[in-house]
Structure formats: C-alpha cells, structure tokens
Amino acid sequence: MAVIKTIELVGVSSESWRDAANRALAEASSTIRGITGMDVLDTSCSVEDGRITEYLTHVRISFRIER
C-alpha cells in the first residue's frame, strides 16, 4: 500500500510563472525522491513602477513515502 505526501512551495522567477514552477520543482527534486506530480495552486507577481519584477507560482508537490 502506497502513502503519498504533499508539500507546498512557492517558486520565484524574473522570467515567467512557468519558470517559477520549474524552479520550485527543481529545488524539491534536489532533496526528494519519487515525485509523482505537481499541482499549480496559484500565481501572483511583484510589481515595481508599473512593471512585473518577479513571478511567483505556488505549487503542491506529491511524492511517495518510501519504507
């Protein structure tokens, strides 16, 4: 029987929301094995002087617990 654990992260990028999501996944992948999926929960951005300066993507990453 499998048990799935989830964590939530916010990836940050100066390029795009997609890049921010990829950065969150890459960071999680550096310490977590067995990632099986990722849900994008929300996107937002930081704005300065009428321009987007940072893209933020809030994700939930799922992975199997190993015994």
N, C-alpha and C. Protein backbone atom coordinates (compact mmCIF):
# COMPACT_ATOMS: atom_id res chain seq x y z
N MET A 1 0.84 -1.17 0.00
CA MET A 1 0.00 0.00 0.00
C MET A 1 0.89 1.25 0.00
N ALA A 2 0.60 2.19 -0.88
CA ALA A 2 1.40 3.41 -1.00
C ALA A 2 0.82 4.53 -0.16
N VAL A 3 1.72 5.35 0.34
CA VAL A 3 1.33 6.57 1.03
C VAL A 3 1.96 7.73 0.27
N ILE A 4 1.14 8.73 -0.04
CA ILE A 4 1.60 9.90 -0.77
C ILE A 4 1.67 11.08 0.19
N LYS A 5 2.77 11.80 0.15
CA LYS A 5 2.94 13.01 0.95
C LYS A 5 2.94 14.20 0.01
N THR A 6 2.45 15.34 0.48
CA THR A 6 2.49 16.55 -0.32
C THR A 6 3.18 17.67 0.46
N ILE A 7 3.84 18.53 -0.28
CA ILE A 7 4.42 19.75 0.29
C ILE A 7 4.02 20.91 -0.62
N GLU A 8 3.98 22.09 -0.06
CA GLU A 8 3.69 23.27 -0.85
C GLU A 8 4.92 24.18 -0.87
N LEU A 9 5.21 24.70 -2.05
CA LEU A 9 6.34 25.60 -2.25
C LEU A 9 5.90 26.78 -3.11
N VAL A 10 6.65 27.86 -3.06
CA VAL A 10 6.45 28.99 -3.96
C VAL A 10 7.75 29.20 -4.72
N GLY A 11 7.68 28.99 -6.02
CA GLY A 11 8.84 29.25 -6.87
C GLY A 11 8.83 30.71 -7.31
N VAL A 12 10.01 31.28 -7.46
CA VAL A 12 10.15 32.69 -7.83
C VAL A 12 11.05 32.80 -9.06
N SER A 13 10.64 33.64 -10.01
CA SER A 13 11.42 33.83 -11.23
C SER A 13 11.28 35.26 -11.72
N SER A 14 12.29 35.75 -12.39
CA SER A 14 12.19 37.05 -13.04
C SER A 14 11.72 36.91 -14.48
N GLU A 15 11.51 35.65 -14.94
CA GLU A 15 11.16 35.39 -16.34
C GLU A 15 9.68 35.12 -16.57
N SER A 16 9.09 34.14 -15.81
CA SER A 16 7.71 33.74 -16.09
C SER A 16 7.17 32.87 -14.95
N TRP A 17 5.84 32.68 -14.96
CA TRP A 17 5.23 31.79 -13.98
C TRP A 17 5.67 30.35 -14.24
N ARG A 18 5.82 29.97 -15.49
CA ARG A 18 6.27 28.61 -15.82
C ARG A 18 7.68 28.37 -15.28
N ASP A 19 8.55 29.34 -15.45
CA ASP A 19 9.91 29.21 -14.94
C ASP A 19 9.89 29.13 -13.42
N ALA A 20 9.02 29.89 -12.77
CA ALA A 20 8.91 29.83 -11.31
C ALA A 20 8.47 28.43 -10.86
N ALA A 21 7.51 27.82 -11.57
CA ALA A 21 7.06 26.47 -11.25
C ALA A 21 8.20 25.47 -11.45
N ASN A 22 8.94 25.62 -12.53
CA ASN A 22 10.08 24.73 -12.79
C ASN A 22 11.16 24.87 -11.73
N ARG A 23 11.38 26.08 -11.23
CA ARG A 23 12.37 26.28 -10.18
C ARG A 23 11.94 25.61 -8.88
N ALA A 24 10.64 25.69 -8.54
CA ALA A 24 10.14 25.02 -7.34
C ALA A 24 10.33 23.51 -7.47
N LEU A 25 10.00 22.95 -8.63
CA LEU A 25 10.16 21.51 -8.86
C LEU A 25 11.63 21.11 -8.80
N ALA A 26 12.50 21.90 -9.40
CA ALA A 26 13.93 21.58 -9.39
C ALA A 26 14.47 21.59 -7.97
N GLU A 27 14.06 22.54 -7.17
CA GLU A 27 14.52 22.61 -5.78
C GLU A 27 14.03 21.40 -4.99
N ALA A 28 12.76 21.04 -5.16
CA ALA A 28 12.23 19.87 -4.46
C ALA A 28 12.94 18.60 -4.91
N SER A 29 13.21 18.50 -6.21
CA SER A 29 13.86 17.30 -6.75
C SER A 29 15.27 17.11 -6.24
N SER A 30 15.89 18.18 -5.75
CA SER A 30 17.26 18.06 -5.26
C SER A 30 17.34 17.30 -3.94
N THR A 31 16.22 17.21 -3.21
CA THR A 31 16.24 16.50 -1.92
C THR A 31 15.15 15.45 -1.76
N ILE A 32 14.21 15.38 -2.69
CA ILE A 32 13.08 14.45 -2.57
C ILE A 32 13.11 13.47 -3.74
N ARG A 33 13.01 12.17 -3.42
CA ARG A 33 12.93 11.14 -4.46
C ARG A 33 11.46 10.77 -4.67
N GLY A 34 11.15 10.27 -5.84
CA GLY A 34 9.84 9.70 -6.11
C GLY A 34 8.73 10.71 -6.30
N ILE A 35 9.04 11.90 -6.81
CA ILE A 35 7.99 12.89 -7.08
C ILE A 35 7.08 12.34 -8.17
N THR A 36 5.78 12.36 -7.91
CA THR A 36 4.80 11.79 -8.84
C THR A 36 3.90 12.83 -9.50
N GLY A 37 3.88 14.04 -8.97
CA GLY A 37 3.01 15.05 -9.58
C GLY A 37 3.17 16.41 -8.93
N MET A 38 2.62 17.41 -9.62
CA MET A 38 2.66 18.77 -9.10
C MET A 38 1.40 19.50 -9.56
N ASP A 39 0.74 20.17 -8.63
CA ASP A 39 -0.42 20.99 -8.93
C ASP A 39 -0.04 22.45 -8.78
N VAL A 40 -0.44 23.27 -9.73
CA VAL A 40 -0.26 24.71 -9.60
C VAL A 40 -1.48 25.24 -8.85
N LEU A 41 -1.26 25.81 -7.67
CA LEU A 41 -2.34 26.28 -6.83
C LEU A 41 -2.69 27.74 -7.08
N ASP A 42 -1.67 28.56 -7.38
CA ASP A 42 -1.91 29.99 -7.53
C ASP A 42 -0.72 30.62 -8.22
N THR A 43 -0.94 31.73 -8.87
CA THR A 43 0.14 32.53 -9.42
C THR A 43 -0.06 33.97 -8.98
N SER A 44 1.04 34.67 -8.80
CA SER A 44 0.99 36.08 -8.46
C SER A 44 2.28 36.72 -8.92
N CYS A 45 2.41 38.01 -8.70
CA CYS A 45 3.64 38.69 -9.11
C CYS A 45 3.91 39.88 -8.22
N SER A 46 5.16 40.30 -8.24
CA SER A 46 5.58 41.53 -7.57
C SER A 46 5.70 42.61 -8.63
N VAL A 47 5.27 43.82 -8.28
CA VAL A 47 5.26 44.92 -9.25
C VAL A 47 5.99 46.12 -8.66
N GLU A 48 6.84 46.73 -9.47
CA GLU A 48 7.51 47.98 -9.10
C GLU A 48 7.44 48.93 -10.29
N ASP A 49 7.06 50.15 -10.04
CA ASP A 49 6.98 51.18 -11.08
C ASP A 49 6.16 50.72 -12.28
N GLY A 50 5.06 50.01 -12.01
CA GLY A 50 4.17 49.58 -13.08
C GLY A 50 4.67 48.43 -13.92
N ARG A 51 5.74 47.75 -13.47
CA ARG A 51 6.29 46.61 -14.21
C ARG A 51 6.40 45.40 -13.30
N ILE A 52 6.21 44.22 -13.88
CA ILE A 52 6.39 42.98 -13.12
C ILE A 52 7.87 42.76 -12.88
N THR A 53 8.24 42.55 -11.62
CA THR A 53 9.64 42.32 -11.28
C THR A 53 9.91 40.87 -10.90
N GLU A 54 8.89 40.18 -10.37
CA GLU A 54 9.03 38.76 -10.01
C GLU A 54 7.71 38.04 -10.26
N TYR A 55 7.83 36.84 -10.79
CA TYR A 55 6.68 35.95 -10.96
C TYR A 55 6.74 34.91 -9.85
N LEU A 56 5.61 34.68 -9.19
CA LEU A 56 5.55 33.69 -8.11
C LEU A 56 4.51 32.63 -8.46
N THR A 57 4.89 31.36 -8.31
CA THR A 57 3.98 30.25 -8.58
C THR A 57 3.94 29.35 -7.35
N HIS A 58 2.74 29.24 -6.77
CA HIS A 58 2.50 28.42 -5.58
C HIS A 58 2.11 27.01 -6.06
N VAL A 59 2.90 26.01 -5.69
CA VAL A 59 2.66 24.64 -6.17
C VAL A 59 2.54 23.66 -5.01
N ARG A 60 1.85 22.55 -5.27
CA ARG A 60 1.79 21.42 -4.34
C ARG A 60 2.46 20.25 -5.04
N ILE A 61 3.50 19.71 -4.43
CA ILE A 61 4.26 18.60 -5.00
C ILE A 61 3.94 17.33 -4.23
N SER A 62 3.67 16.25 -4.96
CA SER A 62 3.31 14.95 -4.37
C SER A 62 4.42 13.95 -4.60
N PHE A 63 4.67 13.12 -3.58
CA PHE A 63 5.68 12.08 -3.72
C PHE A 63 5.33 10.92 -2.81
N ARG A 64 5.82 9.74 -3.20
CA ARG A 64 5.56 8.52 -2.44
C ARG A 64 6.52 8.44 -1.25
N ILE A 65 5.99 8.01 -0.12
CA ILE A 65 6.82 7.75 1.05
C ILE A 65 7.46 6.38 0.87
N GLU A 66 8.77 6.34 1.02
CA GLU A 66 9.49 5.07 0.92
C GLU A 66 9.68 4.47 2.30
N ARG A 67 9.60 3.17 2.37
CA ARG A 67 9.81 2.48 3.65
C ARG A 67 11.17 1.85 3.69
